[in-house]
């Protein structure tokens, strides 16, 4: 459980009654987004209240009527997932800023300007989000926020998600190390060891990450790796 002074109220109204628990806002947000966190780790008390500020507990008959159970974890999880979580203004501001950074980072790494084939800088994406007045819900999953954001940005800037297929050839001197590192950098479609000890592969990565990927190849091979862009994948 968490300290009481770090908890906020999560509230769900059902069957004409109010049900409240005391939760850590960050952990509650993670549970709400599907992370498998034990409810007990995210709460300050193992009780369901009808008024948490007065420590007034909900009677069992009310719980049974609304939830068909009196099991704390079952009810608390439903309150977290479906109810309102009351954040302080500072907590909400910090959570929105963090989620906004995640959305901007994801779009800048995965989307490109189809007119140039190049990614939009994070600052450009942020400016367009402000112009479009994109609303960031701190309790929504990043994937959902990215979809909403892309829909809002398309009327303002040319942008779409693309992937790129890249062929790479590594000399024998750097092949072993490159094999280990580059497999983590993208989806490996094909790889093959050559008779001379060199290694070739084809990877598919988000188009916005191609510059970062090429930099990685150059770093691993000290600038000797051969890279060829094969085609864009829409």
C-alpha atoms as a PDB file:
ATOM      1  CA  UNK A   1       0.000   0.000   0.000  1.00  0.00           C
ATOM      2  CA  UNK A   2       0.985   3.632  -0.419  1.00  0.00           C
ATOM      3  CA  UNK A   3       1.247   6.384   2.239  1.00  0.00           C
ATOM      4  CA  UNK A   4      -2.002   8.217   2.835  1.00  0.00           C
ATOM      5  CA  UNK A   5      -0.435  11.613   2.083  1.00  0.00           C
ATOM      6  CA  UNK A   6       0.349  10.494  -1.490  1.00  0.00           C
ATOM      7  CA  UNK A   7      -3.181   9.315  -2.246  1.00  0.00           C
ATOM      8  CA  UNK A   8      -5.972  10.943  -4.233  1.00  0.00           C
ATOM      9  CA  UNK A   9      -9.607   9.921  -4.466  1.00  0.00           C
ATOM     10  CA  UNK A  10     -10.930   7.666  -7.201  1.00  0.00           C
ATOM     11  CA  UNK A  11     -14.725   7.802  -7.404  1.00  0.00           C
ATOM     12  CA  UNK A  12     -17.406   5.845  -9.228  1.00  0.00           C
ATOM     13  CA  UNK A  13     -21.131   6.564  -9.007  1.00  0.00           C
ATOM     14  CA  UNK A  14     -23.454   3.633  -9.574  1.00  0.00           C
ATOM     15  CA  UNK A  15     -27.019   2.695  -8.614  1.00  0.00           C
ATOM     16  CA  UNK A  16     -27.528   6.128  -7.110  1.00  0.00           C
ATOM     17  CA  UNK A  17     -24.602   5.770  -4.715  1.00  0.00           C
ATOM     18  CA  UNK A  18     -21.009   6.927  -4.570  1.00  0.00           C
ATOM     19  CA  UNK A  19     -18.037   4.596  -4.097  1.00  0.00           C
ATOM     20  CA  UNK A  20     -14.531   5.884  -3.388  1.00  0.00           C
ATOM     21  CA  UNK A  21     -11.038   4.526  -2.801  1.00  0.00           C
ATOM     22  CA  UNK A  22      -7.715   6.215  -2.095  1.00  0.00           C
ATOM     23  CA  UNK A  23      -5.118   5.620  -4.816  1.00  0.00           C
ATOM     24  CA  UNK A  24      -1.698   6.617  -6.066  1.00  0.00           C
ATOM     25  CA  UNK A  25      -2.477   8.613  -9.253  1.00  0.00           C
ATOM     26  CA  UNK A  26       0.498   7.306 -11.236  1.00  0.00           C
ATOM     27  CA  UNK A  27      -0.120   3.646 -10.413  1.00  0.00           C
ATOM     28  CA  UNK A  28      -3.867   4.064 -10.960  1.00  0.00           C
ATOM     29  CA  UNK A  29      -3.145   5.515 -14.398  1.00  0.00           C
ATOM     30  CA  UNK A  30      -0.964   2.505 -15.248  1.00  0.00           C
ATOM     31  CA  UNK A  31      -3.678   0.085 -14.118  1.00  0.00           C
ATOM     32  CA  UNK A  32      -6.185   2.026 -16.198  1.00  0.00           C
ATOM     33  CA  UNK A  33      -3.953   1.633 -19.234  1.00  0.00           C
ATOM     34  CA  UNK A  34      -3.780  -2.129 -18.803  1.00  0.00           C
ATOM     35  CA  UNK A  35      -0.590  -2.710 -16.836  1.00  0.00           C
ATOM     36  CA  UNK A  36      -0.779  -5.706 -14.520  1.00  0.00           C
ATOM     37  CA  UNK A  37      -0.197  -3.986 -11.192  1.00  0.00           C
ATOM     38  CA  UNK A  38      -1.707  -5.450  -8.003  1.00  0.00           C
ATOM     39  CA  UNK A  39      -4.458  -3.157  -6.768  1.00  0.00           C
ATOM     40  CA  UNK A  40      -3.106  -3.435  -3.235  1.00  0.00           C
ATOM     41  CA  UNK A  41       0.110  -1.730  -4.368  1.00  0.00           C
ATOM     42  CA  UNK A  42      -1.833   1.277  -5.686  1.00  0.00           C
ATOM     43  CA  UNK A  43      -4.128   2.049  -2.747  1.00  0.00           C
ATOM     44  CA  UNK A  44      -3.731   3.644   0.673  1.00  0.00           C
ATOM     45  CA  UNK A  45      -6.461   1.609   2.384  1.00  0.00           C
ATOM     46  CA  UNK A  46      -8.182  -1.688   1.702  1.00  0.00           C
ATOM     47  CA  UNK A  47     -11.653  -0.230   2.079  1.00  0.00           C
ATOM     48  CA  UNK A  48     -14.420   1.044  -0.178  1.00  0.00           C
ATOM     49  CA  UNK A  49     -15.854   4.329   1.086  1.00  0.00           C
ATOM     50  CA  UNK A  50     -18.985   6.294   0.349  1.00  0.00           C
ATOM     51  CA  UNK A  51     -17.040   9.333   1.574  1.00  0.00           C
ATOM     52  CA  UNK A  52     -13.292   8.801   1.744  1.00  0.00           C
ATOM     53  CA  UNK A  53     -12.564  12.195   3.300  1.00  0.00           C
ATOM     54  CA  UNK A  54     -14.679  11.200   6.314  1.00  0.00           C
ATOM     55  CA  UNK A  55     -13.521   7.561   6.300  1.00  0.00           C
ATOM     56  CA  UNK A  56     -17.150   6.499   5.911  1.00  0.00           C
ATOM     57  CA  UNK A  57     -17.256   2.965   4.536  1.00  0.00           C
ATOM     58  CA  UNK A  58     -19.783   1.690   2.047  1.00  0.00           C
ATOM     59  CA  UNK A  59     -22.103  -0.955   3.566  1.00  0.00           C
ATOM     60  CA  UNK A  60     -21.921  -4.455   2.129  1.00  0.00           C
ATOM     61  CA  UNK A  61     -25.477  -4.282   0.837  1.00  0.00           C
ATOM     62  CA  UNK A  62     -24.582  -1.246  -1.292  1.00  0.00           C
ATOM     63  CA  UNK A  63     -21.533  -3.020  -2.690  1.00  0.00           C
ATOM     64  CA  UNK A  64     -23.553  -6.109  -3.524  1.00  0.00           C
ATOM     65  CA  UNK A  65     -26.228  -4.029  -5.252  1.00  0.00           C
ATOM     66  CA  UNK A  66     -23.733  -2.124  -7.398  1.00  0.00           C
ATOM     67  CA  UNK A  67     -20.994  -4.704  -7.986  1.00  0.00           C
ATOM     68  CA  UNK A  68     -22.540  -8.079  -7.070  1.00  0.00           C
ATOM     69  CA  UNK A  69     -19.559  -8.729  -4.793  1.00  0.00           C
ATOM     70  CA  UNK A  70     -17.879  -7.366  -1.684  1.00  0.00           C
ATOM     71  CA  UNK A  71     -14.388  -8.372  -2.814  1.00  0.00           C
ATOM     72  CA  UNK A  72     -12.185  -5.300  -2.406  1.00  0.00           C
ATOM     73  CA  UNK A  73      -9.796  -5.918  -5.307  1.00  0.00           C
ATOM     74  CA  UNK A  74     -12.599  -6.563  -7.801  1.00  0.00           C
ATOM     75  CA  UNK A  75     -14.470  -3.422  -6.808  1.00  0.00           C
ATOM     76  CA  UNK A  76     -11.363  -1.228  -6.505  1.00  0.00           C
ATOM     77  CA  UNK A  77     -10.140  -2.248  -9.943  1.00  0.00           C
ATOM     78  CA  UNK A  78     -13.500  -1.352 -11.464  1.00  0.00           C
ATOM     79  CA  UNK A  79     -13.453   2.040  -9.714  1.00  0.00           C
ATOM     80  CA  UNK A  80      -9.954   2.720 -11.059  1.00  0.00           C
ATOM     81  CA  UNK A  81     -10.810   1.611 -14.590  1.00  0.00           C
ATOM     82  CA  UNK A  82     -14.248   3.240 -14.900  1.00  0.00           C
ATOM     83  CA  UNK A  83     -14.375   6.038 -12.350  1.00  0.00           C
ATOM     84  CA  UNK A  84     -12.976   9.544 -11.963  1.00  0.00           C
ATOM     85  CA  UNK A  85      -9.534  10.026 -10.441  1.00  0.00           C
ATOM     86  CA  UNK A  86      -9.243  13.379  -8.723  1.00  0.00           C
ATOM     87  CA  UNK A  87      -5.785  14.804  -9.287  1.00  0.00           C
ATOM     88  CA  UNK A  88      -4.324  17.970  -7.881  1.00  0.00           C
ATOM     89  CA  UNK A  89      -3.666  20.628 -10.514  1.00  0.00           C
ATOM     90  CA  UNK A  90       0.072  19.979 -10.229  1.00  0.00           C
ATOM     91  CA  UNK A  91      -0.349  16.205 -10.594  1.00  0.00           C
ATOM     92  CA  UNK A  92      -2.556  16.639 -13.653  1.00  0.00           C
ATOM     93  CA  UNK A  93      -0.125  19.131 -15.190  1.00  0.00           C
ATOM     94  CA  UNK A  94       2.831  16.761 -14.713  1.00  0.00           C
ATOM     95  CA  UNK A  95       0.973  13.714 -16.025  1.00  0.00           C
ATOM     96  CA  UNK A  96      -0.285  15.584 -19.098  1.00  0.00           C
ATOM     97  CA  UNK A  97       3.222  16.905 -19.837  1.00  0.00           C
ATOM     98  CA  UNK A  98       4.694  13.400 -19.551  1.00  0.00           C
ATOM     99  CA  UNK A  99       2.043  11.828 -21.790  1.00  0.00           C
ATOM    100  CA  UNK A 100       2.386  14.656 -24.316  1.00  0.00           C
ATOM    101  CA  UNK A 101       6.152  14.028 -24.558  1.00  0.00           C
ATOM    102  CA  UNK A 102       5.470  10.344 -25.199  1.00  0.00           C
ATOM    103  CA  UNK A 103       3.028  11.169 -27.993  1.00  0.00           C
ATOM    104  CA  UNK A 104       5.413  13.659 -29.635  1.00  0.00           C
ATOM    105  CA  UNK A 105       8.331  11.220 -29.410  1.00  0.00           C
ATOM    106  CA  UNK A 106       6.320   8.373 -30.915  1.00  0.00           C
ATOM    107  CA  UNK A 107       5.056  10.463 -33.841  1.00  0.00           C
ATOM    108  CA  UNK A 108       8.460  12.013 -34.558  1.00  0.00           C
ATOM    109  CA  UNK A 109      10.032   8.545 -34.680  1.00  0.00           C
ATOM    110  CA  UNK A 110       7.338   6.754 -36.660  1.00  0.00           C
ATOM    111  CA  UNK A 111       5.807   9.335 -39.001  1.00  0.00           C
ATOM    112  CA  UNK A 112       7.224  11.335 -41.922  1.00  0.00           C
ATOM    113  CA  UNK A 113       6.334  14.177 -44.222  1.00  0.00           C
ATOM    114  CA  UNK A 114       5.269  12.244 -47.361  1.00  0.00           C
ATOM    115  CA  UNK A 115       6.383  15.174 -49.537  1.00  0.00           C
ATOM    116  CA  UNK A 116       9.995  14.858 -48.403  1.00  0.00           C
ATOM    117  CA  UNK A 117      10.180  11.384 -46.873  1.00  0.00           C
ATOM    118  CA  UNK A 118      11.718  12.952 -43.767  1.00  0.00           C
ATOM    119  CA  UNK A 119      10.387  13.010 -40.207  1.00  0.00           C
ATOM    120  CA  UNK A 120       8.919  16.161 -38.736  1.00  0.00           C
ATOM    121  CA  UNK A 121      11.056  17.598 -35.916  1.00  0.00           C
ATOM    122  CA  UNK A 122       9.468  17.189 -32.456  1.00  0.00           C
ATOM    123  CA  UNK A 123       9.113  20.974 -32.172  1.00  0.00           C
ATOM    124  CA  UNK A 124       7.047  21.088 -35.377  1.00  0.00           C
ATOM    125  CA  UNK A 125       4.771  18.344 -34.120  1.00  0.00           C
ATOM    126  CA  UNK A 126       4.304  20.126 -30.806  1.00  0.00           C
ATOM    127  CA  UNK A 127       3.468  23.409 -32.528  1.00  0.00           C
ATOM    128  CA  UNK A 128       0.911  21.668 -34.734  1.00  0.00           C
ATOM    129  CA  UNK A 129      -0.615  19.988 -31.685  1.00  0.00           C
ATOM    130  CA  UNK A 130      -1.005  23.371 -30.027  1.00  0.00           C
ATOM    131  CA  UNK A 131      -2.527  24.827 -33.190  1.00  0.00           C
ATOM    132  CA  UNK A 132      -4.956  21.904 -33.394  1.00  0.00           C
ATOM    133  CA  UNK A 133      -5.703  22.233 -29.670  1.00  0.00           C
ATOM    134  CA  UNK A 134      -5.061  18.548 -29.085  1.00  0.00           C
ATOM    135  CA  UNK A 135      -6.399  17.459 -25.716  1.00  0.00           C
ATOM    136  CA  UNK A 136      -4.166  15.038 -23.802  1.00  0.00           C
ATOM    137  CA  UNK A 137      -6.076  12.820 -21.392  1.00  0.00           C
ATOM    138  CA  UNK A 138      -3.499  11.630 -18.816  1.00  0.00           C
ATOM    139  CA  UNK A 139      -5.413   8.379 -18.320  1.00  0.00           C
ATOM    140  CA  UNK A 140      -5.571   7.304 -21.962  1.00  0.00           C
ATOM    141  CA  UNK A 141      -3.055   4.913 -23.459  1.00  0.00           C
ATOM    142  CA  UNK A 142      -0.389   6.443 -25.696  1.00  0.00           C
ATOM    143  CA  UNK A 143      -1.590   4.401 -28.689  1.00  0.00           C
ATOM    144  CA  UNK A 144      -5.059   5.933 -28.412  1.00  0.00           C
ATOM    145  CA  UNK A 145      -3.650   9.438 -27.960  1.00  0.00           C
ATOM    146  CA  UNK A 146      -1.397   9.006 -30.998  1.00  0.00           C
ATOM    147  CA  UNK A 147      -4.405   8.080 -33.165  1.00  0.00           C
ATOM    148  CA  UNK A 148      -6.340  11.111 -31.939  1.00  0.00           C
ATOM    149  CA  UNK A 149      -3.331  13.381 -32.432  1.00  0.00           C
ATOM    150  CA  UNK A 150      -2.603  12.170 -35.962  1.00  0.00           C
ATOM    151  CA  UNK A 151      -6.234  12.769 -36.923  1.00  0.00           C
ATOM    152  CA  UNK A 152      -5.949  16.337 -35.616  1.00  0.00           C
ATOM    153  CA  UNK A 153      -2.601  17.014 -37.313  1.00  0.00           C
ATOM    154  CA  UNK A 154      -3.391  15.794 -40.830  1.00  0.00           C
ATOM    155  CA  UNK A 155      -5.413  18.899 -41.830  1.00  0.00           C
ATOM    156  CA  UNK A 156      -2.489  21.091 -40.716  1.00  0.00           C
ATOM    157  CA  UNK A 157       0.691  19.352 -41.855  1.00  0.00           C
ATOM    158  CA  UNK A 158       1.493  16.596 -44.380  1.00  0.00           C
ATOM    159  CA  UNK A 159       2.115  13.571 -42.200  1.00  0.00           C
ATOM    160  CA  UNK A 160       1.618   9.824 -42.271  1.00  0.00           C
ATOM    161  CA  UNK A 161       3.049   6.670 -40.789  1.00  0.00           C
ATOM    162  CA  UNK A 162       5.489   4.870 -43.066  1.00  0.00           C
ATOM    163  CA  UNK A 163       8.057   2.141 -42.723  1.00  0.00           C
ATOM    164  CA  UNK A 164      11.230   1.773 -44.737  1.00  0.00           C
ATOM    165  CA  UNK A 165      13.137  -1.344 -45.800  1.00  0.00           C
ATOM    166  CA  UNK A 166      16.897  -1.020 -45.537  1.00  0.00           C
ATOM    167  CA  UNK A 167      19.635  -3.360 -46.754  1.00  0.00           C
ATOM    168  CA  UNK A 168      22.836  -3.457 -44.727  1.00  0.00           C
ATOM    169  CA  UNK A 169      26.204  -5.109 -45.357  1.00  0.00           C
ATOM    170  CA  UNK A 170      28.771  -5.387 -42.555  1.00  0.00           C
ATOM    171  CA  UNK A 171      32.430  -6.355 -43.031  1.00  0.00           C
ATOM    172  CA  UNK A 172      33.869  -9.370 -41.163  1.00  0.00           C
ATOM    173  CA  UNK A 173      35.667  -7.107 -38.663  1.00  0.00           C
ATOM    174  CA  UNK A 174      32.409  -5.759 -37.250  1.00  0.00           C
ATOM    175  CA  UNK A 175      29.876  -8.418 -38.218  1.00  0.00           C
ATOM    176  CA  UNK A 176      29.599 -10.194 -34.859  1.00  0.00           C
ATOM    177  CA  UNK A 177      28.930  -7.023 -32.883  1.00  0.00           C
ATOM    178  CA  UNK A 178      26.607  -5.599 -35.522  1.00  0.00           C
ATOM    179  CA  UNK A 179      24.616  -8.826 -35.594  1.00  0.00           C
ATOM    180  CA  UNK A 180      23.788  -8.447 -31.904  1.00  0.00           C
ATOM    181  CA  UNK A 181      23.028  -4.727 -31.960  1.00  0.00           C
ATOM    182  CA  UNK A 182      21.154  -4.307 -35.226  1.00  0.00           C
ATOM    183  CA  UNK A 183      18.721  -7.111 -34.468  1.00  0.00           C
ATOM    184  CA  UNK A 184      17.399  -4.877 -31.705  1.00  0.00           C
ATOM    185  CA  UNK A 185      17.070  -1.863 -33.992  1.00  0.00           C
ATOM    186  CA  UNK A 186      14.287  -3.038 -36.272  1.00  0.00           C
ATOM    187  CA  UNK A 187      12.289  -5.949 -37.601  1.00  0.00           C
ATOM    188  CA  UNK A 188      14.733  -8.288 -39.288  1.00  0.00           C
ATOM    189  CA  UNK A 189      13.216  -9.565 -42.536  1.00  0.00           C
ATOM    190  CA  UNK A 190      16.252 -11.457 -43.748  1.00  0.00           C
ATOM    191  CA  UNK A 191      19.882 -11.993 -42.786  1.00  0.00           C
ATOM    192  CA  UNK A 192      22.697 -14.053 -44.202  1.00  0.00           C
ATOM    193  CA  UNK A 193      26.353 -14.750 -43.434  1.00  0.00           C
ATOM    194  CA  UNK A 194      28.686 -14.595 -46.426  1.00  0.00           C
ATOM    195  CA  UNK A 195      31.607 -16.917 -47.143  1.00  0.00           C
ATOM    196  CA  UNK A 196      34.117 -14.160 -46.356  1.00  0.00           C
ATOM    197  CA  UNK A 197      32.622 -13.631 -42.866  1.00  0.00           C
ATOM    198  CA  UNK A 198      30.647 -10.524 -43.734  1.00  0.00           C
ATOM    199  CA  UNK A 199      26.991 -10.240 -42.760  1.00  0.00           C
ATOM    200  CA  UNK A 200      24.093  -8.831 -44.767  1.00  0.00           C
ATOM    201  CA  UNK A 201      20.542  -8.171 -43.663  1.00  0.00           C
ATOM    202  CA  UNK A 202      17.310  -6.440 -44.573  1.00  0.00           C
ATOM    203  CA  UNK A 203      15.412  -4.664 -41.823  1.00  0.00           C
ATOM    204  CA  UNK A 204      12.099  -2.835 -41.719  1.00  0.00           C
ATOM    205  CA  UNK A 205      11.865   0.175 -39.404  1.00  0.00           C
ATOM    206  CA  UNK A 206       9.639   3.238 -38.946  1.00  0.00           C
ATOM    207  CA  UNK A 207      10.620   5.770 -41.609  1.00  0.00           C
ATOM    208  CA  UNK A 208      11.209   8.450 -39.001  1.00  0.00           C
ATOM    209  CA  UNK A 209      13.944   6.323 -37.437  1.00  0.00           C
ATOM    210  CA  UNK A 210      16.039   5.722 -40.545  1.00  0.00           C
ATOM    211  CA  UNK A 211      18.546   8.471 -39.691  1.00  0.00           C
ATOM    212  CA  UNK A 212      18.970   7.052 -36.201  1.00  0.00           C
ATOM    213  CA  UNK A 213      19.369   3.539 -37.609  1.00  0.00           C
ATOM    214  CA  UNK A 214      22.023   4.628 -40.126  1.00  0.00           C
ATOM    215  CA  UNK A 215      23.887   6.414 -37.334  1.00  0.00           C
ATOM    216  CA  UNK A 216      23.797   3.173 -35.359  1.00  0.00           C
ATOM    217  CA  UNK A 217      25.266   1.224 -38.294  1.00  0.00           C
ATOM    218  CA  UNK A 218      28.041   3.796 -38.665  1.00  0.00           C
ATOM    219  CA  UNK A 219      28.804   3.684 -34.959  1.00  0.00           C
ATOM    220  CA  UNK A 220      28.960  -0.105 -34.789  1.00  0.00           C
ATOM    221  CA  UNK A 221      31.105  -0.378 -37.926  1.00  0.00           C
ATOM    222  CA  UNK A 222      33.166   2.806 -37.463  1.00  0.00           C
ATOM    223  CA  UNK A 223      31.727   4.154 -40.675  1.00  0.00           C
ATOM    224  CA  UNK A 224      32.443   1.123 -42.836  1.00  0.00           C
ATOM    225  CA  UNK A 225      28.942  -0.339 -43.024  1.00  0.00           C
ATOM    226  CA  UNK A 226      27.097  -0.255 -46.335  1.00  0.00           C
ATOM    227  CA  UNK A 227      23.469   0.924 -46.184  1.00  0.00           C
ATOM    228  CA  UNK A 228      20.922   1.073 -48.993  1.00  0.00           C
ATOM    229  CA  UNK A 229      17.306   2.248 -48.750  1.00  0.00           C
ATOM    230  CA  UNK A 230      15.203  -0.262 -50.662  1.00  0.00           C
ATOM    231  CA  UNK A 231      11.672   1.138 -50.522  1.00  0.00           C
ATOM    232  CA  UNK A 232       9.032   2.823 -48.394  1.00  0.00           C
ATOM    233  CA  UNK A 233       6.250   0.702 -46.903  1.00  0.00           C
ATOM    234  CA  UNK A 234       2.951   2.522 -46.388  1.00  0.00           C
END
